[in-house]
N, C-alpha and C. Protein backbone atom coordinates (compact mmCIF):
# COMPACT_ATOMS: atom_id res chain seq x y z
N UNK A 1 112.22 127.83 93.03
CA UNK A 1 112.66 126.57 92.49
C UNK A 1 114.13 126.66 92.11
N UNK A 2 114.85 125.56 92.27
CA UNK A 2 116.28 125.55 91.97
C UNK A 2 116.51 125.66 90.48
N UNK A 3 117.61 126.31 90.12
CA UNK A 3 118.02 126.40 88.73
C UNK A 3 118.53 125.02 88.32
N UNK A 4 117.96 124.45 87.26
CA UNK A 4 118.30 123.09 86.87
C UNK A 4 119.76 122.96 86.46
N UNK A 5 120.41 124.05 86.09
CA UNK A 5 121.82 123.99 85.73
C UNK A 5 122.67 123.61 86.95
N UNK A 6 122.21 123.95 88.12
CA UNK A 6 122.96 123.69 89.33
C UNK A 6 122.67 122.33 89.95
N UNK A 7 121.72 121.60 89.39
CA UNK A 7 121.35 120.31 89.95
C UNK A 7 122.23 119.19 89.40
N UNK A 8 122.74 118.38 90.29
CA UNK A 8 123.45 117.16 89.92
C UNK A 8 122.48 116.00 90.05
N UNK A 9 122.76 114.85 89.44
CA UNK A 9 121.85 113.70 89.56
C UNK A 9 121.50 113.36 91.01
N UNK A 10 122.46 113.43 91.91
CA UNK A 10 122.18 113.14 93.32
C UNK A 10 121.20 114.13 93.92
N UNK A 11 121.28 115.39 93.50
CA UNK A 11 120.34 116.40 93.97
C UNK A 11 118.93 116.07 93.51
N UNK A 12 118.80 115.65 92.27
CA UNK A 12 117.49 115.29 91.72
C UNK A 12 116.92 114.10 92.48
N UNK A 13 117.76 113.11 92.77
CA UNK A 13 117.30 111.94 93.52
C UNK A 13 116.80 112.33 94.90
N UNK A 14 117.53 113.21 95.59
CA UNK A 14 117.10 113.65 96.93
C UNK A 14 115.79 114.43 96.87
N UNK A 15 115.67 115.33 95.89
CA UNK A 15 114.43 116.10 95.75
C UNK A 15 113.26 115.19 95.43
N UNK A 16 113.48 114.24 94.56
CA UNK A 16 112.43 113.29 94.21
C UNK A 16 111.98 112.51 95.43
N UNK A 17 112.92 112.03 96.23
CA UNK A 17 112.59 111.30 97.45
C UNK A 17 111.75 112.17 98.38
N UNK A 18 112.17 113.41 98.58
CA UNK A 18 111.44 114.33 99.47
C UNK A 18 110.03 114.58 98.96
N UNK A 19 109.89 114.77 97.66
CA UNK A 19 108.57 115.10 97.10
C UNK A 19 107.62 113.91 97.11
N UNK A 20 108.14 112.72 96.88
CA UNK A 20 107.29 111.53 96.97
C UNK A 20 106.78 111.37 98.40
N UNK A 21 107.69 111.49 99.35
CA UNK A 21 107.32 111.36 100.77
C UNK A 21 106.30 112.43 101.16
N UNK A 22 106.54 113.67 100.73
CA UNK A 22 105.62 114.76 101.07
C UNK A 22 104.24 114.55 100.43
N UNK A 23 104.20 114.08 99.19
CA UNK A 23 102.92 113.83 98.52
C UNK A 23 102.15 112.73 99.23
N UNK A 24 102.86 111.68 99.63
CA UNK A 24 102.20 110.57 100.35
C UNK A 24 101.66 111.06 101.69
N UNK A 25 102.49 111.74 102.44
CA UNK A 25 102.07 112.24 103.75
C UNK A 25 100.93 113.25 103.62
N UNK A 26 100.98 114.07 102.58
CA UNK A 26 99.92 115.05 102.36
C UNK A 26 98.56 114.41 102.16
N UNK A 27 98.57 113.19 101.68
CA UNK A 27 97.32 112.44 101.50
C UNK A 27 96.96 111.64 102.75
N UNK A 28 97.86 111.66 103.74
CA UNK A 28 97.61 110.92 104.98
C UNK A 28 97.81 109.42 104.81
N UNK A 29 98.57 109.01 103.81
CA UNK A 29 98.80 107.60 103.54
C UNK A 29 100.06 107.10 104.22
N UNK A 30 100.05 105.85 104.61
CA UNK A 30 101.26 105.18 105.08
C UNK A 30 102.03 104.71 103.85
N UNK A 31 103.27 104.31 104.08
CA UNK A 31 104.03 103.72 102.97
C UNK A 31 103.33 102.46 102.47
N UNK A 32 102.76 101.70 103.37
CA UNK A 32 102.07 100.47 102.97
C UNK A 32 100.87 100.80 102.07
N UNK A 33 100.14 101.85 102.40
CA UNK A 33 98.98 102.22 101.59
C UNK A 33 99.42 102.66 100.19
N UNK A 34 100.47 103.47 100.10
CA UNK A 34 100.95 103.87 98.79
C UNK A 34 101.44 102.67 98.00
N UNK A 35 102.15 101.78 98.67
CA UNK A 35 102.64 100.57 98.00
C UNK A 35 101.47 99.77 97.44
N UNK A 36 100.44 99.61 98.23
CA UNK A 36 99.26 98.87 97.79
C UNK A 36 98.58 99.55 96.61
N UNK A 37 98.41 100.84 96.68
CA UNK A 37 97.75 101.59 95.60
C UNK A 37 98.57 101.56 94.32
N UNK A 38 99.91 101.52 94.45
CA UNK A 38 100.80 101.52 93.29
C UNK A 38 101.10 100.11 92.79
N UNK A 39 100.68 99.11 93.55
CA UNK A 39 100.97 97.73 93.17
C UNK A 39 102.44 97.38 93.33
N UNK A 40 103.06 97.93 94.35
CA UNK A 40 104.48 97.72 94.61
C UNK A 40 104.68 97.22 96.03
N UNK A 41 105.89 96.77 96.32
CA UNK A 41 106.23 96.36 97.67
C UNK A 41 106.60 97.56 98.52
N UNK A 42 106.43 97.42 99.81
CA UNK A 42 106.75 98.52 100.72
C UNK A 42 108.24 98.86 100.68
N UNK A 43 109.10 97.87 100.43
CA UNK A 43 110.54 98.14 100.34
C UNK A 43 110.85 99.07 99.17
N UNK A 44 110.10 98.94 98.09
CA UNK A 44 110.30 99.82 96.93
C UNK A 44 109.93 101.25 97.29
N UNK A 45 108.81 101.41 97.99
CA UNK A 45 108.38 102.76 98.41
C UNK A 45 109.41 103.35 99.37
N UNK A 46 109.86 102.56 100.32
CA UNK A 46 110.85 103.03 101.29
C UNK A 46 112.13 103.47 100.59
N UNK A 47 112.57 102.72 99.59
CA UNK A 47 113.79 103.07 98.84
C UNK A 47 113.58 104.36 98.03
N UNK A 48 112.42 104.48 97.39
CA UNK A 48 112.14 105.71 96.63
C UNK A 48 112.12 106.92 97.55
N UNK A 49 111.53 106.76 98.73
CA UNK A 49 111.42 107.89 99.67
C UNK A 49 112.72 108.20 100.39
N UNK A 50 113.58 107.24 100.55
CA UNK A 50 114.82 107.50 101.29
C UNK A 50 115.98 107.88 100.37
N UNK A 51 116.02 107.29 99.17
CA UNK A 51 117.16 107.52 98.28
C UNK A 51 116.77 108.12 96.94
N UNK A 52 115.48 108.12 96.62
CA UNK A 52 115.05 108.60 95.32
C UNK A 52 115.48 107.68 94.19
N UNK A 53 115.69 106.43 94.52
CA UNK A 53 116.18 105.47 93.53
C UNK A 53 115.20 104.32 93.36
N UNK A 54 115.11 103.86 92.14
CA UNK A 54 114.25 102.73 91.83
C UNK A 54 114.11 102.60 90.33
N UNK A 55 113.33 101.66 89.92
CA UNK A 55 113.09 101.47 88.49
C UNK A 55 112.12 102.51 87.98
N UNK A 56 112.25 102.83 86.71
CA UNK A 56 111.34 103.80 86.09
C UNK A 56 109.90 103.33 86.22
N UNK A 57 109.67 102.05 86.01
CA UNK A 57 108.31 101.52 86.11
C UNK A 57 107.73 101.76 87.50
N UNK A 58 108.54 101.62 88.53
CA UNK A 58 108.08 101.86 89.89
C UNK A 58 107.73 103.33 90.10
N UNK A 59 108.57 104.21 89.59
CA UNK A 59 108.31 105.63 89.71
C UNK A 59 107.01 106.02 88.99
N UNK A 60 106.78 105.46 87.83
CA UNK A 60 105.55 105.74 87.08
C UNK A 60 104.34 105.23 87.85
N UNK A 61 104.44 104.07 88.46
CA UNK A 61 103.32 103.53 89.26
C UNK A 61 103.02 104.41 90.47
N UNK A 62 104.07 104.87 91.13
CA UNK A 62 103.89 105.75 92.29
C UNK A 62 103.25 107.06 91.84
N UNK A 63 103.75 107.62 90.74
CA UNK A 63 103.17 108.86 90.22
C UNK A 63 101.69 108.67 89.89
N UNK A 64 101.35 107.53 89.31
CA UNK A 64 99.95 107.24 89.01
C UNK A 64 99.10 107.16 90.26
N UNK A 65 99.61 106.48 91.27
CA UNK A 65 98.87 106.35 92.53
C UNK A 65 98.67 107.70 93.19
N UNK A 66 99.63 108.60 93.02
CA UNK A 66 99.55 109.93 93.63
C UNK A 66 98.84 110.94 92.73
N UNK A 67 98.38 110.49 91.57
CA UNK A 67 97.69 111.38 90.64
C UNK A 67 98.62 112.40 90.00
N UNK A 68 99.87 112.02 89.76
CA UNK A 68 100.88 112.96 89.25
C UNK A 68 101.49 112.51 87.92
N UNK A 69 100.80 111.67 87.14
CA UNK A 69 101.37 111.22 85.87
C UNK A 69 101.64 112.37 84.90
N UNK A 70 100.84 113.41 84.97
CA UNK A 70 101.03 114.54 84.06
C UNK A 70 102.37 115.23 84.28
N UNK A 71 102.98 115.01 85.43
CA UNK A 71 104.29 115.61 85.70
C UNK A 71 105.36 115.12 84.74
N UNK A 72 105.11 114.02 84.06
CA UNK A 72 106.08 113.46 83.12
C UNK A 72 105.93 114.02 81.71
N UNK A 73 104.91 114.83 81.47
CA UNK A 73 104.63 115.31 80.12
C UNK A 73 105.81 115.99 79.46
N UNK A 74 106.51 116.84 80.17
CA UNK A 74 107.62 117.56 79.54
C UNK A 74 108.75 116.61 79.13
N UNK A 75 108.89 115.50 79.84
CA UNK A 75 109.89 114.51 79.45
C UNK A 75 109.49 113.77 78.18
N UNK A 76 108.19 113.69 77.94
CA UNK A 76 107.68 112.93 76.81
C UNK A 76 107.49 113.76 75.55
N UNK A 77 107.59 115.09 75.69
CA UNK A 77 107.45 115.97 74.53
C UNK A 77 108.59 115.76 73.56
N UNK A 78 108.27 115.80 72.27
CA UNK A 78 109.31 115.74 71.25
C UNK A 78 110.11 117.03 71.30
N UNK A 79 111.40 116.92 71.05
CA UNK A 79 112.24 118.12 71.01
C UNK A 79 111.77 119.02 69.88
N UNK A 80 111.67 120.28 70.17
CA UNK A 80 111.27 121.27 69.19
C UNK A 80 112.54 121.85 68.58
N UNK A 81 112.63 121.90 67.25
CA UNK A 81 113.82 122.48 66.63
C UNK A 81 114.02 123.92 67.09
N UNK A 82 115.27 124.27 67.34
CA UNK A 82 115.56 125.62 67.83
C UNK A 82 116.04 126.55 66.72
N UNK A 83 116.22 126.02 65.52
CA UNK A 83 116.63 126.87 64.40
C UNK A 83 116.09 126.28 63.11
N UNK A 84 116.10 127.07 62.06
CA UNK A 84 115.66 126.62 60.75
C UNK A 84 116.62 125.55 60.22
N UNK A 85 117.91 125.70 60.50
CA UNK A 85 118.89 124.70 60.07
C UNK A 85 118.60 123.34 60.71
N UNK A 86 118.28 123.36 61.99
CA UNK A 86 117.96 122.11 62.69
C UNK A 86 116.70 121.48 62.11
N UNK A 87 115.72 122.27 61.81
CA UNK A 87 114.49 121.77 61.19
C UNK A 87 114.79 121.13 59.85
N UNK A 88 115.64 121.75 59.05
CA UNK A 88 116.02 121.19 57.74
C UNK A 88 116.78 119.87 57.91
N UNK A 89 117.68 119.80 58.90
CA UNK A 89 118.43 118.56 59.14
C UNK A 89 117.49 117.43 59.52
N UNK A 90 116.51 117.71 60.31
CA UNK A 90 115.55 116.68 60.74
C UNK A 90 114.68 116.21 59.58
N UNK A 91 114.44 117.10 58.64
CA UNK A 91 113.58 116.76 57.51
C UNK A 91 114.28 115.82 56.54
N UNK A 92 115.60 115.74 56.58
CA UNK A 92 116.35 114.89 55.63
C UNK A 92 116.23 113.44 55.95
């Protein structure tokens, strides 16, 4: 896996596009089928797969259709204090 320090936003978008496309193809689905399952238009799926760009709501719907909502868990976790000083600052 790539070191996240070396990833630029464009790199993340390209990887996301590749992984969405691979997950869909791995299930043997067409873009139309994924769009239907996610409740989105086919143009939205095509844009996500080609550019990795779209609305967050669309990405969440696609992840749900692909059974990958848990992949967002680390983004939703509260930041854990890294020092006692930070913990004290948060407590104030």
